[in-house]
Amino acid sequence: MATLQNAQYAAVGGDKRLYRKGIYISNAVQGYLINKKTADKYHITNIAQFKDANIAKLFDTNGNGKADLIGCNPGWGCETAINNHLNAYQLNTTVEHNQGNYTAMIADTITRYKEGKPIFYYTWAPYWVNAVLKPGKDIVWLQVPFSSFPQ
C-alpha cells in the first residue's frame, strides 16, 4: 500500500476491519511538474533548483516572490508528502504550497498553460490531467534531490 495512505488506512481500522490483496494499480507515479517551455529555457530538471529565488519567481502567480505550487486538498495524503518535501529540500522560503479544491486549481493551471504562462504543480499518474498536459511534450516531471517520506 502507498505510504501516503497508511494513516487513513489505520484510522478506519486497518487490517482488522478491511481486506486488501494484490496490486490495484501498478506503475503509478506522483510528483512535481512544470511546463516544458520554461524547463527547457532555464534548464530546470530538479525541484531543488527552486531554492534559487530567481527560478522560484518564474512561477510566482500572486506577486509575493515565491513559486506557487499547485498542491493537494487539505487532508489528502499528498498534502503531507508535499509539506515534508518543502521542509526536507529547504524550499519553504521560495515555494508556497497552494491548497484548495484540486480539480479547480488544476483547471486554472491548464488555463495558465494555454496562456503561455509557467506552471508548477503536483500530480500523480494515472490521472486525467496527464491526458491534457502531456508529459514530455507540454510538461516535464521534476527530479527530487533525495527520497524523503513523512514520518
N, C-alpha and C. Protein backbone atom coordinates (compact mmCIF):
# COMPACT_ATOMS: atom_id res chain seq x y z
N MET A 1 0.85 -1.18 0.00
CA MET A 1 0.00 0.00 0.00
C MET A 1 0.89 1.24 0.00
N ALA A 2 0.45 2.29 -0.64
CA ALA A 2 1.21 3.53 -0.72
C ALA A 2 1.40 4.14 0.66
N THR A 3 2.57 4.65 0.91
CA THR A 3 2.90 5.28 2.18
C THR A 3 1.95 6.43 2.49
N LEU A 4 1.52 7.16 1.49
CA LEU A 4 0.67 8.32 1.72
C LEU A 4 -0.68 7.96 2.33
N GLN A 5 -1.10 6.74 2.18
CA GLN A 5 -2.42 6.36 2.65
C GLN A 5 -2.39 5.56 3.96
N ASN A 6 -1.22 5.31 4.51
CA ASN A 6 -1.13 4.49 5.72
C ASN A 6 -1.93 5.05 6.88
N ALA A 7 -1.87 6.35 7.12
CA ALA A 7 -2.58 6.95 8.25
C ALA A 7 -4.10 6.80 8.06
N GLN A 8 -4.59 7.01 6.86
CA GLN A 8 -6.02 6.89 6.61
C GLN A 8 -6.47 5.43 6.77
N TYR A 9 -5.65 4.50 6.30
CA TYR A 9 -5.96 3.08 6.41
C TYR A 9 -6.05 2.68 7.88
N ALA A 10 -5.09 3.10 8.67
CA ALA A 10 -5.08 2.79 10.10
C ALA A 10 -6.27 3.44 10.82
N ALA A 11 -6.61 4.66 10.42
CA ALA A 11 -7.70 5.40 11.08
C ALA A 11 -9.06 4.72 10.93
N VAL A 12 -9.24 3.96 9.87
CA VAL A 12 -10.53 3.29 9.68
C VAL A 12 -10.49 1.83 10.14
N GLY A 13 -9.42 1.45 10.81
CA GLY A 13 -9.36 0.11 11.39
C GLY A 13 -8.33 -0.81 10.79
N GLY A 14 -7.69 -0.41 9.71
CA GLY A 14 -6.62 -1.21 9.12
C GLY A 14 -7.04 -2.63 8.80
N ASP A 15 -6.09 -3.55 8.97
CA ASP A 15 -6.33 -4.96 8.62
C ASP A 15 -7.41 -5.61 9.46
N LYS A 16 -7.73 -5.05 10.62
CA LYS A 16 -8.79 -5.63 11.47
C LYS A 16 -10.17 -5.41 10.87
N ARG A 17 -10.34 -4.35 10.09
CA ARG A 17 -11.66 -4.03 9.54
C ARG A 17 -11.72 -4.09 8.02
N LEU A 18 -10.59 -4.06 7.36
CA LEU A 18 -10.56 -4.01 5.90
C LEU A 18 -9.79 -5.20 5.34
N TYR A 19 -10.08 -5.53 4.12
CA TYR A 19 -9.39 -6.60 3.42
C TYR A 19 -8.70 -5.99 2.20
N ARG A 20 -7.44 -6.34 2.03
CA ARG A 20 -6.73 -5.91 0.83
C ARG A 20 -5.85 -7.04 0.35
N LYS A 21 -5.78 -7.17 -0.95
CA LYS A 21 -4.97 -8.23 -1.52
C LYS A 21 -4.53 -7.81 -2.91
N GLY A 22 -3.27 -8.00 -3.20
CA GLY A 22 -2.75 -7.76 -4.53
C GLY A 22 -2.50 -6.29 -4.83
N ILE A 23 -2.20 -6.05 -6.08
CA ILE A 23 -1.89 -4.71 -6.56
C ILE A 23 -3.11 -4.17 -7.29
N TYR A 24 -3.56 -3.00 -6.87
CA TYR A 24 -4.71 -2.38 -7.54
C TYR A 24 -4.28 -1.61 -8.78
N ILE A 25 -3.19 -0.87 -8.67
CA ILE A 25 -2.65 -0.11 -9.80
C ILE A 25 -1.14 -0.26 -9.78
N SER A 26 -0.58 -0.68 -10.90
CA SER A 26 0.88 -0.79 -10.98
C SER A 26 1.43 0.38 -11.79
N ASN A 27 2.71 0.62 -11.62
CA ASN A 27 3.42 1.67 -12.35
C ASN A 27 2.85 3.06 -12.11
N ALA A 28 2.30 3.29 -10.94
CA ALA A 28 1.80 4.61 -10.59
C ALA A 28 2.99 5.50 -10.22
N VAL A 29 2.82 6.79 -10.38
CA VAL A 29 3.86 7.75 -10.08
C VAL A 29 3.20 9.01 -9.53
N GLN A 30 3.92 9.76 -8.72
CA GLN A 30 3.44 11.05 -8.24
C GLN A 30 4.62 11.98 -8.11
N GLY A 31 4.37 13.27 -8.24
CA GLY A 31 5.47 14.21 -8.10
C GLY A 31 5.14 15.57 -8.65
N TYR A 32 6.20 16.30 -8.96
CA TYR A 32 6.13 17.71 -9.32
C TYR A 32 6.40 17.89 -10.81
N LEU A 33 5.63 18.78 -11.41
CA LEU A 33 5.76 19.03 -12.84
C LEU A 33 5.78 20.53 -13.12
N ILE A 34 6.47 20.90 -14.19
CA ILE A 34 6.44 22.27 -14.70
C ILE A 34 6.28 22.20 -16.21
N ASN A 35 5.94 23.34 -16.79
CA ASN A 35 5.77 23.36 -18.23
C ASN A 35 7.13 23.21 -18.92
N LYS A 36 7.15 22.46 -20.02
CA LYS A 36 8.38 22.12 -20.73
C LYS A 36 9.10 23.35 -21.27
N LYS A 37 8.36 24.32 -21.76
CA LYS A 37 8.99 25.52 -22.33
C LYS A 37 9.88 26.21 -21.30
N THR A 38 9.38 26.41 -20.09
CA THR A 38 10.17 27.06 -19.04
C THR A 38 11.30 26.14 -18.58
N ALA A 39 11.03 24.85 -18.47
CA ALA A 39 12.06 23.89 -18.08
C ALA A 39 13.24 23.93 -19.05
N ASP A 40 12.94 23.92 -20.34
CA ASP A 40 13.99 23.93 -21.35
C ASP A 40 14.75 25.25 -21.36
N LYS A 41 14.03 26.35 -21.28
CA LYS A 41 14.67 27.68 -21.35
C LYS A 41 15.63 27.90 -20.18
N TYR A 42 15.25 27.47 -18.97
CA TYR A 42 16.06 27.73 -17.77
C TYR A 42 16.78 26.48 -17.26
N HIS A 43 16.73 25.39 -18.03
CA HIS A 43 17.42 24.14 -17.68
C HIS A 43 17.01 23.64 -16.29
N ILE A 44 15.71 23.64 -16.03
CA ILE A 44 15.17 23.18 -14.75
C ILE A 44 14.83 21.70 -14.86
N THR A 45 15.47 20.90 -14.02
CA THR A 45 15.24 19.45 -14.03
C THR A 45 14.95 18.90 -12.64
N ASN A 46 15.24 19.68 -11.60
CA ASN A 46 15.16 19.19 -10.23
C ASN A 46 14.47 20.22 -9.35
N ILE A 47 13.60 19.78 -8.48
CA ILE A 47 12.87 20.72 -7.61
C ILE A 47 13.83 21.51 -6.72
N ALA A 48 15.00 20.98 -6.44
CA ALA A 48 15.98 21.69 -5.60
C ALA A 48 16.40 23.01 -6.23
N GLN A 49 16.26 23.14 -7.54
CA GLN A 49 16.60 24.39 -8.22
C GLN A 49 15.68 25.54 -7.78
N PHE A 50 14.54 25.20 -7.17
CA PHE A 50 13.62 26.22 -6.69
C PHE A 50 14.14 26.93 -5.44
N LYS A 51 15.26 26.50 -4.90
CA LYS A 51 15.93 27.24 -3.82
C LYS A 51 16.41 28.59 -4.34
N ASP A 52 16.71 28.63 -5.63
CA ASP A 52 17.15 29.86 -6.30
C ASP A 52 15.93 30.76 -6.46
N ALA A 53 15.95 31.90 -5.79
CA ALA A 53 14.80 32.82 -5.81
C ALA A 53 14.45 33.25 -7.23
N ASN A 54 15.44 33.35 -8.11
CA ASN A 54 15.15 33.75 -9.50
C ASN A 54 14.36 32.68 -10.24
N ILE A 55 14.66 31.42 -9.97
CA ILE A 55 13.88 30.33 -10.56
C ILE A 55 12.47 30.33 -9.96
N ALA A 56 12.39 30.44 -8.65
CA ALA A 56 11.09 30.43 -7.97
C ALA A 56 10.18 31.54 -8.50
N LYS A 57 10.73 32.72 -8.70
CA LYS A 57 9.92 33.86 -9.16
C LYS A 57 9.28 33.64 -10.52
N LEU A 58 9.88 32.76 -11.33
CA LEU A 58 9.28 32.46 -12.63
C LEU A 58 7.88 31.87 -12.48
N PHE A 59 7.63 31.23 -11.34
CA PHE A 59 6.37 30.53 -11.09
C PHE A 59 5.51 31.25 -10.05
N ASP A 60 5.80 32.51 -9.80
CA ASP A 60 5.05 33.33 -8.84
C ASP A 60 3.82 33.87 -9.54
N THR A 61 2.64 33.48 -9.06
CA THR A 61 1.40 33.94 -9.70
C THR A 61 0.70 35.05 -8.92
N ASN A 62 1.14 35.30 -7.67
CA ASN A 62 0.43 36.29 -6.86
C ASN A 62 1.31 37.45 -6.39
N GLY A 63 2.55 37.52 -6.89
CA GLY A 63 3.41 38.66 -6.61
C GLY A 63 4.11 38.66 -5.26
N ASN A 64 4.13 37.52 -4.56
CA ASN A 64 4.80 37.50 -3.26
C ASN A 64 6.26 37.04 -3.34
N GLY A 65 6.75 36.77 -4.54
CA GLY A 65 8.14 36.38 -4.73
C GLY A 65 8.40 34.89 -4.60
N LYS A 66 7.40 34.11 -4.22
CA LYS A 66 7.55 32.67 -4.08
C LYS A 66 6.90 31.95 -5.25
N ALA A 67 7.45 30.79 -5.60
CA ALA A 67 6.81 29.94 -6.60
C ALA A 67 5.49 29.44 -6.03
N ASP A 68 4.45 29.49 -6.84
CA ASP A 68 3.15 28.99 -6.42
C ASP A 68 2.98 27.56 -6.91
N LEU A 69 3.09 26.64 -5.97
CA LEU A 69 2.93 25.21 -6.25
C LEU A 69 1.47 24.84 -6.07
N ILE A 70 0.86 24.34 -7.12
CA ILE A 70 -0.50 23.83 -7.01
C ILE A 70 -0.39 22.47 -6.35
N GLY A 71 -0.89 22.40 -5.12
CA GLY A 71 -0.74 21.19 -4.31
C GLY A 71 -2.02 20.43 -4.17
N CYS A 72 -2.23 19.87 -3.01
CA CYS A 72 -3.35 18.97 -2.77
C CYS A 72 -4.39 19.57 -1.85
N ASN A 73 -5.56 18.96 -1.89
CA ASN A 73 -6.61 19.34 -0.94
C ASN A 73 -6.10 19.13 0.48
N PRO A 74 -6.47 20.02 1.40
CA PRO A 74 -6.12 19.78 2.81
C PRO A 74 -6.67 18.42 3.26
N GLY A 75 -5.84 17.67 3.96
CA GLY A 75 -6.24 16.37 4.46
C GLY A 75 -5.88 15.20 3.57
N TRP A 76 -5.53 15.46 2.32
CA TRP A 76 -5.12 14.38 1.43
C TRP A 76 -3.72 13.93 1.81
N GLY A 77 -3.38 12.69 1.50
CA GLY A 77 -2.05 12.16 1.79
C GLY A 77 -0.95 12.95 1.12
N CYS A 78 -1.20 13.45 -0.08
CA CYS A 78 -0.16 14.20 -0.79
C CYS A 78 0.12 15.54 -0.10
N GLU A 79 -0.82 16.06 0.67
CA GLU A 79 -0.54 17.28 1.44
C GLU A 79 0.63 17.04 2.38
N THR A 80 0.60 15.93 3.07
CA THR A 80 1.68 15.58 4.00
C THR A 80 2.99 15.39 3.26
N ALA A 81 2.95 14.72 2.11
CA ALA A 81 4.17 14.50 1.33
C ALA A 81 4.77 15.82 0.86
N ILE A 82 3.95 16.71 0.33
CA ILE A 82 4.44 18.00 -0.17
C ILE A 82 5.04 18.81 0.97
N ASN A 83 4.33 18.92 2.08
CA ASN A 83 4.85 19.70 3.20
C ASN A 83 6.17 19.12 3.71
N ASN A 84 6.26 17.79 3.74
CA ASN A 84 7.51 17.13 4.12
C ASN A 84 8.63 17.50 3.16
N HIS A 85 8.34 17.45 1.87
CA HIS A 85 9.36 17.77 0.86
C HIS A 85 9.81 19.23 0.96
N LEU A 86 8.88 20.14 1.15
CA LEU A 86 9.27 21.55 1.26
C LEU A 86 10.24 21.75 2.41
N ASN A 87 10.02 21.03 3.50
CA ASN A 87 10.95 21.10 4.64
C ASN A 87 12.26 20.40 4.33
N ALA A 88 12.17 19.17 3.86
CA ALA A 88 13.37 18.36 3.62
C ALA A 88 14.30 18.99 2.58
N TYR A 89 13.72 19.60 1.56
CA TYR A 89 14.52 20.18 0.48
C TYR A 89 14.79 21.67 0.69
N GLN A 90 14.39 22.17 1.86
CA GLN A 90 14.63 23.57 2.26
C GLN A 90 14.06 24.56 1.24
N LEU A 91 12.78 24.37 0.93
CA LEU A 91 12.12 25.21 -0.07
C LEU A 91 11.05 26.14 0.51
N ASN A 92 10.87 26.13 1.81
CA ASN A 92 9.80 26.94 2.41
C ASN A 92 9.95 28.43 2.18
N THR A 93 11.15 28.92 1.99
CA THR A 93 11.33 30.36 1.78
C THR A 93 11.10 30.78 0.33
N THR A 94 11.06 29.80 -0.59
CA THR A 94 10.90 30.15 -2.01
C THR A 94 9.69 29.52 -2.69
N VAL A 95 9.03 28.58 -2.01
CA VAL A 95 7.88 27.89 -2.60
C VAL A 95 6.70 27.95 -1.64
N GLU A 96 5.53 28.28 -2.18
CA GLU A 96 4.30 28.30 -1.40
C GLU A 96 3.39 27.16 -1.87
N HIS A 97 2.96 26.33 -0.94
CA HIS A 97 2.07 25.21 -1.24
C HIS A 97 0.63 25.72 -1.24
N ASN A 98 0.07 25.94 -2.42
CA ASN A 98 -1.30 26.41 -2.54
C ASN A 98 -2.24 25.22 -2.49
N GLN A 99 -3.22 25.30 -1.59
CA GLN A 99 -4.17 24.22 -1.40
C GLN A 99 -5.60 24.72 -1.56
N GLY A 100 -6.45 23.80 -1.89
CA GLY A 100 -7.86 24.11 -2.08
C GLY A 100 -8.51 22.98 -2.83
N ASN A 101 -9.47 23.28 -3.65
CA ASN A 101 -10.12 22.27 -4.47
C ASN A 101 -9.18 21.93 -5.62
N TYR A 102 -8.60 20.73 -5.57
CA TYR A 102 -7.58 20.36 -6.54
C TYR A 102 -8.07 20.45 -7.99
N THR A 103 -9.27 19.97 -8.24
CA THR A 103 -9.80 20.00 -9.60
C THR A 103 -9.90 21.42 -10.13
N ALA A 104 -10.37 22.35 -9.32
CA ALA A 104 -10.47 23.75 -9.73
C ALA A 104 -9.08 24.36 -9.93
N MET A 105 -8.15 24.03 -9.05
CA MET A 105 -6.79 24.57 -9.19
C MET A 105 -6.11 24.04 -10.45
N ILE A 106 -6.34 22.77 -10.77
CA ILE A 106 -5.76 22.20 -11.99
C ILE A 106 -6.40 22.82 -13.23
N ALA A 107 -7.69 23.09 -13.18
CA ALA A 107 -8.35 23.78 -14.31
C ALA A 107 -7.70 25.14 -14.55
N ASP A 108 -7.42 25.87 -13.48
CA ASP A 108 -6.74 27.15 -13.59
C ASP A 108 -5.31 26.96 -14.12
N THR A 109 -4.65 25.91 -13.71
CA THR A 109 -3.29 25.61 -14.18
C THR A 109 -3.30 25.36 -15.68
N ILE A 110 -4.27 24.61 -16.15
CA ILE A 110 -4.38 24.34 -17.59
C ILE A 110 -4.63 25.64 -18.35
N THR A 111 -5.47 26.50 -17.82
CA THR A 111 -5.72 27.80 -18.45
C THR A 111 -4.43 28.62 -18.52
N ARG A 112 -3.67 28.66 -17.42
CA ARG A 112 -2.40 29.38 -17.40
C ARG A 112 -1.45 28.81 -18.46
N TYR A 113 -1.41 27.49 -18.58
CA TYR A 113 -0.56 26.86 -19.59
C TYR A 113 -0.98 27.32 -21.00
N LYS A 114 -2.27 27.30 -21.26
CA LYS A 114 -2.78 27.69 -22.59
C LYS A 114 -2.50 29.16 -22.88
N GLU A 115 -2.35 29.97 -21.83
CA GLU A 115 -2.00 31.39 -21.99
C GLU A 115 -0.49 31.59 -22.14
N GLY A 116 0.28 30.51 -22.09
CA GLY A 116 1.72 30.60 -22.26
C GLY A 116 2.48 30.95 -20.99
N LYS A 117 1.82 30.84 -19.84
CA LYS A 117 2.45 31.19 -18.57
C LYS A 117 3.08 29.95 -17.94
N PRO A 118 4.14 30.13 -17.14
CA PRO A 118 4.75 29.00 -16.44
C PRO A 118 3.77 28.36 -15.45
N ILE A 119 3.85 27.05 -15.32
CA ILE A 119 3.02 26.32 -14.37
C ILE A 119 3.89 25.37 -13.54
N PHE A 120 3.47 25.16 -12.29
CA PHE A 120 4.19 24.32 -11.34
C PHE A 120 3.14 23.63 -10.49
N TYR A 121 3.06 22.31 -10.57
CA TYR A 121 2.01 21.60 -9.84
C TYR A 121 2.44 20.19 -9.45
N TYR A 122 1.70 19.64 -8.53
CA TYR A 122 1.89 18.27 -8.06
C TYR A 122 0.75 17.44 -8.61
N THR A 123 1.07 16.25 -9.10
CA THR A 123 0.01 15.34 -9.54
C THR A 123 0.51 13.91 -9.45
N TRP A 124 -0.29 13.02 -9.97
CA TRP A 124 0.00 11.60 -9.95
C TRP A 124 -0.48 11.02 -11.26
N ALA A 125 -0.03 9.83 -11.54
CA ALA A 125 -0.48 9.12 -12.73
C ALA A 125 -0.68 7.66 -12.35
N PRO A 126 -1.76 7.07 -12.79
CA PRO A 126 -2.67 7.63 -13.78
C PRO A 126 -3.61 8.68 -13.18
N TYR A 127 -3.86 9.72 -13.95
CA TYR A 127 -4.81 10.78 -13.62
C TYR A 127 -5.12 11.53 -14.91
N TRP A 128 -6.34 12.01 -15.07
CA TRP A 128 -6.80 12.60 -16.32
C TRP A 128 -5.97 13.80 -16.79
N VAL A 129 -5.40 14.57 -15.86
CA VAL A 129 -4.67 15.77 -16.28
C VAL A 129 -3.51 15.43 -17.20
N ASN A 130 -2.96 14.21 -17.07
CA ASN A 130 -1.83 13.80 -17.90
C ASN A 130 -2.23 13.52 -19.35
N ALA A 131 -3.53 13.44 -19.61
CA ALA A 131 -4.01 13.33 -20.99
C ALA A 131 -4.18 14.71 -21.62
N VAL A 132 -4.28 15.74 -20.79
CA VAL A 132 -4.45 17.11 -21.28
C VAL A 132 -3.09 17.80 -21.38
N LEU A 133 -2.32 17.73 -20.30
CA LEU A 133 -0.95 18.24 -20.30
C LEU A 133 -0.05 17.02 -20.38
N LYS A 134 0.50 16.79 -21.56
CA LYS A 134 1.21 15.54 -21.83
C LYS A 134 2.68 15.61 -21.38
N PRO A 135 3.07 14.68 -20.48
CA PRO A 135 4.47 14.62 -20.05
C PRO A 135 5.41 14.43 -21.24
N GLY A 136 6.49 15.21 -21.24
CA GLY A 136 7.48 15.15 -22.32
C GLY A 136 7.17 16.07 -23.48
N LYS A 137 5.91 16.44 -23.64
CA LYS A 137 5.50 17.35 -24.71
C LYS A 137 5.15 18.72 -24.15
N ASP A 138 4.21 18.75 -23.22
CA ASP A 138 3.74 20.01 -22.63
C ASP A 138 4.41 20.30 -21.29
N ILE A 139 4.67 19.25 -20.56
CA ILE A 139 5.18 19.37 -19.19
C ILE A 139 6.30 18.37 -18.96
N VAL A 140 7.08 18.58 -17.89
CA VAL A 140 8.12 17.64 -17.52
C VAL A 140 8.05 17.36 -16.03
N TRP A 141 8.38 16.12 -15.66
CA TRP A 141 8.48 15.73 -14.26
C TRP A 141 9.79 16.28 -13.72
N LEU A 142 9.76 16.79 -12.50
CA LEU A 142 10.99 17.24 -11.85
C LEU A 142 11.56 16.13 -10.99
N GLN A 143 12.86 16.02 -10.99
CA GLN A 143 13.53 15.09 -10.08
C GLN A 143 13.54 15.71 -8.69
N VAL A 144 13.76 14.88 -7.69
CA VAL A 144 13.95 15.35 -6.33
C VAL A 144 15.39 15.05 -5.93
N PRO A 145 15.97 15.85 -5.02
CA PRO A 145 17.38 15.64 -4.67
C PRO A 145 17.64 14.33 -3.93
N PHE A 146 16.63 13.83 -3.21
CA PHE A 146 16.74 12.56 -2.50
C PHE A 146 15.33 12.16 -2.06
N SER A 147 15.16 10.90 -1.73
CA SER A 147 13.86 10.41 -1.26
C SER A 147 13.63 10.89 0.16
N SER A 148 12.41 11.34 0.44
CA SER A 148 12.04 11.76 1.78
C SER A 148 10.58 11.45 1.99
N PHE A 149 10.28 10.66 3.00
CA PHE A 149 8.91 10.26 3.28
C PHE A 149 8.48 10.83 4.62
N PRO A 150 7.24 11.29 4.72
CA PRO A 150 6.73 11.79 6.01
C PRO A 150 6.77 10.68 7.07
N GLN A 151 7.04 11.08 8.29
CA GLN A 151 7.08 10.10 9.39
C GLN A 151 5.74 10.01 10.06
